[in-house]
Amino acid sequence: MKHTAGIRAFGLHLRRLRQARKLTQYALADYADISRPTVQRIEKGETAASLDVLLALAHALDIPLRELVDAPGIDKLA
């Protein structure tokens, strides 16, 4: 079962974090060593990120993993 509300909430949170750091999707993808379409699909709430992608994103954004996954509305995953 997909939890689309939580996935969308995470995507919006990721977009805000990225934009607050004035990064493009291309730059974030490059820093995280993932593809730009992957960043785009996550931000749009079209796909959930795997643990390895979450770790790479947190590292690229220079934040703890907990800060990355503690998105408003993410509790809708439960």
C-alpha atoms as a PDB file:
ATOM      1  CA  MET A   1       0.000   0.000   0.000  1.00  0.00           C
ATOM      2  CA  LYS A   2       1.394   3.379  -1.006  1.00  0.00           C
ATOM      3  CA  HIS A   3       1.142   6.228   1.451  1.00  0.00           C
ATOM      4  CA  THR A   4       0.843   9.028  -1.071  1.00  0.00           C
ATOM      5  CA  ALA A   5       0.111  11.838   1.413  1.00  0.00           C
ATOM      6  CA  GLY A   6       3.298  11.122   3.330  1.00  0.00           C
ATOM      7  CA  ILE A   7       5.335  10.711   0.149  1.00  0.00           C
ATOM      8  CA  ARG A   8       4.042  14.059  -1.136  1.00  0.00           C
ATOM      9  CA  ALA A   9       4.773  15.714   2.233  1.00  0.00           C
ATOM     10  CA  PHE A  10       8.335  14.413   2.123  1.00  0.00           C
ATOM     11  CA  GLY A  11       8.795  15.663  -1.435  1.00  0.00           C
ATOM     12  CA  LEU A  12       7.642  19.141  -0.486  1.00  0.00           C
ATOM     13  CA  HIS A  13       9.959  19.114   2.536  1.00  0.00           C
ATOM     14  CA  LEU A  14      12.905  18.071   0.360  1.00  0.00           C
ATOM     15  CA  ARG A  15      12.127  20.848  -2.130  1.00  0.00           C
ATOM     16  CA  ARG A  16      12.029  23.436   0.664  1.00  0.00           C
ATOM     17  CA  LEU A  17      15.326  22.218   2.108  1.00  0.00           C
ATOM     18  CA  ARG A  18      16.932  22.315  -1.340  1.00  0.00           C
ATOM     19  CA  GLN A  19      15.605  25.766  -2.151  1.00  0.00           C
ATOM     20  CA  ALA A  20      16.644  27.139   1.252  1.00  0.00           C
ATOM     21  CA  ARG A  21      20.197  26.176   0.308  1.00  0.00           C
ATOM     22  CA  LYS A  22      19.753  27.783  -3.126  1.00  0.00           C
ATOM     23  CA  LEU A  23      20.458  24.503  -4.903  1.00  0.00           C
ATOM     24  CA  THR A  24      18.980  23.435  -8.201  1.00  0.00           C
ATOM     25  CA  GLN A  25      17.723  19.914  -8.651  1.00  0.00           C
ATOM     26  CA  TYR A  26      20.772  19.331 -10.833  1.00  0.00           C
ATOM     27  CA  ALA A  27      23.168  20.503  -8.112  1.00  0.00           C
ATOM     28  CA  LEU A  28      21.499  18.427  -5.401  1.00  0.00           C
ATOM     29  CA  ALA A  29      21.505  15.373  -7.635  1.00  0.00           C
ATOM     30  CA  ASP A  30      25.186  15.908  -8.406  1.00  0.00           C
ATOM     31  CA  TYR A  31      26.135  16.332  -4.726  1.00  0.00           C
ATOM     32  CA  ALA A  32      24.081  13.261  -3.781  1.00  0.00           C
ATOM     33  CA  ASP A  33      25.350  11.242  -6.765  1.00  0.00           C
ATOM     34  CA  ILE A  34      21.832  10.428  -7.944  1.00  0.00           C
ATOM     35  CA  SER A  35      20.008  11.387 -11.125  1.00  0.00           C
ATOM     36  CA  ARG A  36      18.142  14.672 -11.492  1.00  0.00           C
ATOM     37  CA  PRO A  37      14.970  12.827 -12.556  1.00  0.00           C
ATOM     38  CA  THR A  38      15.126  10.932  -9.256  1.00  0.00           C
ATOM     39  CA  VAL A  39      15.221  14.209  -7.320  1.00  0.00           C
ATOM     40  CA  GLN A  40      12.369  15.521  -9.463  1.00  0.00           C
ATOM     41  CA  ARG A  41      10.185  12.426  -8.908  1.00  0.00           C
ATOM     42  CA  ILE A  42      10.802  12.502  -5.152  1.00  0.00           C
ATOM     43  CA  GLU A  43       9.987  16.214  -4.915  1.00  0.00           C
ATOM     44  CA  LYS A  44       6.800  15.720  -6.927  1.00  0.00           C
ATOM     45  CA  GLY A  45       5.743  12.900  -4.611  1.00  0.00           C
ATOM     46  CA  GLU A  46       5.758  10.414  -7.467  1.00  0.00           C
ATOM     47  CA  THR A  47       8.147   8.005  -5.752  1.00  0.00           C
ATOM     48  CA  ALA A  48       9.475   7.204  -2.306  1.00  0.00           C
ATOM     49  CA  ALA A  49      13.196   7.437  -1.684  1.00  0.00           C
ATOM     50  CA  SER A  50      15.133   4.351  -0.653  1.00  0.00           C
ATOM     51  CA  LEU A  51      17.340   4.441   2.432  1.00  0.00           C
ATOM     52  CA  ASP A  52      20.514   4.808   0.383  1.00  0.00           C
ATOM     53  CA  VAL A  53      19.007   7.780  -1.478  1.00  0.00           C
ATOM     54  CA  LEU A  54      17.836   9.341   1.805  1.00  0.00           C
ATOM     55  CA  LEU A  55      21.339   9.015   3.233  1.00  0.00           C
ATOM     56  CA  ALA A  56      22.858  10.545   0.101  1.00  0.00           C
ATOM     57  CA  LEU A  57      20.390  13.449   0.168  1.00  0.00           C
ATOM     58  CA  ALA A  58      21.019  14.143   3.859  1.00  0.00           C
ATOM     59  CA  HIS A  59      24.762  14.128   3.237  1.00  0.00           C
ATOM     60  CA  ALA A  60      24.411  16.412   0.197  1.00  0.00           C
ATOM     61  CA  LEU A  61      22.241  18.842   2.179  1.00  0.00           C
ATOM     62  CA  ASP A  62      24.664  18.608   5.136  1.00  0.00           C
ATOM     63  CA  ILE A  63      21.898  17.750   7.601  1.00  0.00           C
ATOM     64  CA  PRO A  64      21.229  14.791   9.881  1.00  0.00           C
ATOM     65  CA  LEU A  65      19.038  12.082   8.377  1.00  0.00           C
ATOM     66  CA  ARG A  66      16.453  12.728  11.084  1.00  0.00           C
ATOM     67  CA  GLU A  67      16.054  16.343   9.949  1.00  0.00           C
ATOM     68  CA  LEU A  68      15.510  15.163   6.395  1.00  0.00           C
ATOM     69  CA  VAL A  69      12.856  12.596   7.240  1.00  0.00           C
ATOM     70  CA  ASP A  70      11.117  14.656   9.935  1.00  0.00           C
ATOM     71  CA  ALA A  71       8.898  16.409   7.425  1.00  0.00           C
ATOM     72  CA  PRO A  72       5.582  18.018   8.355  1.00  0.00           C
ATOM     73  CA  GLY A  73       2.823  15.615   7.339  1.00  0.00           C
ATOM     74  CA  ILE A  74       5.158  12.639   7.194  1.00  0.00           C
ATOM     75  CA  ASP A  75       3.218  11.043  10.043  1.00  0.00           C
ATOM     76  CA  LYS A  76       0.611  10.186   7.428  1.00  0.00           C
ATOM     77  CA  LEU A  77       2.920   7.288   6.495  1.00  0.00           C
ATOM     78  CA  ALA A  78       1.941   5.493   9.694  1.00  0.00           C
END
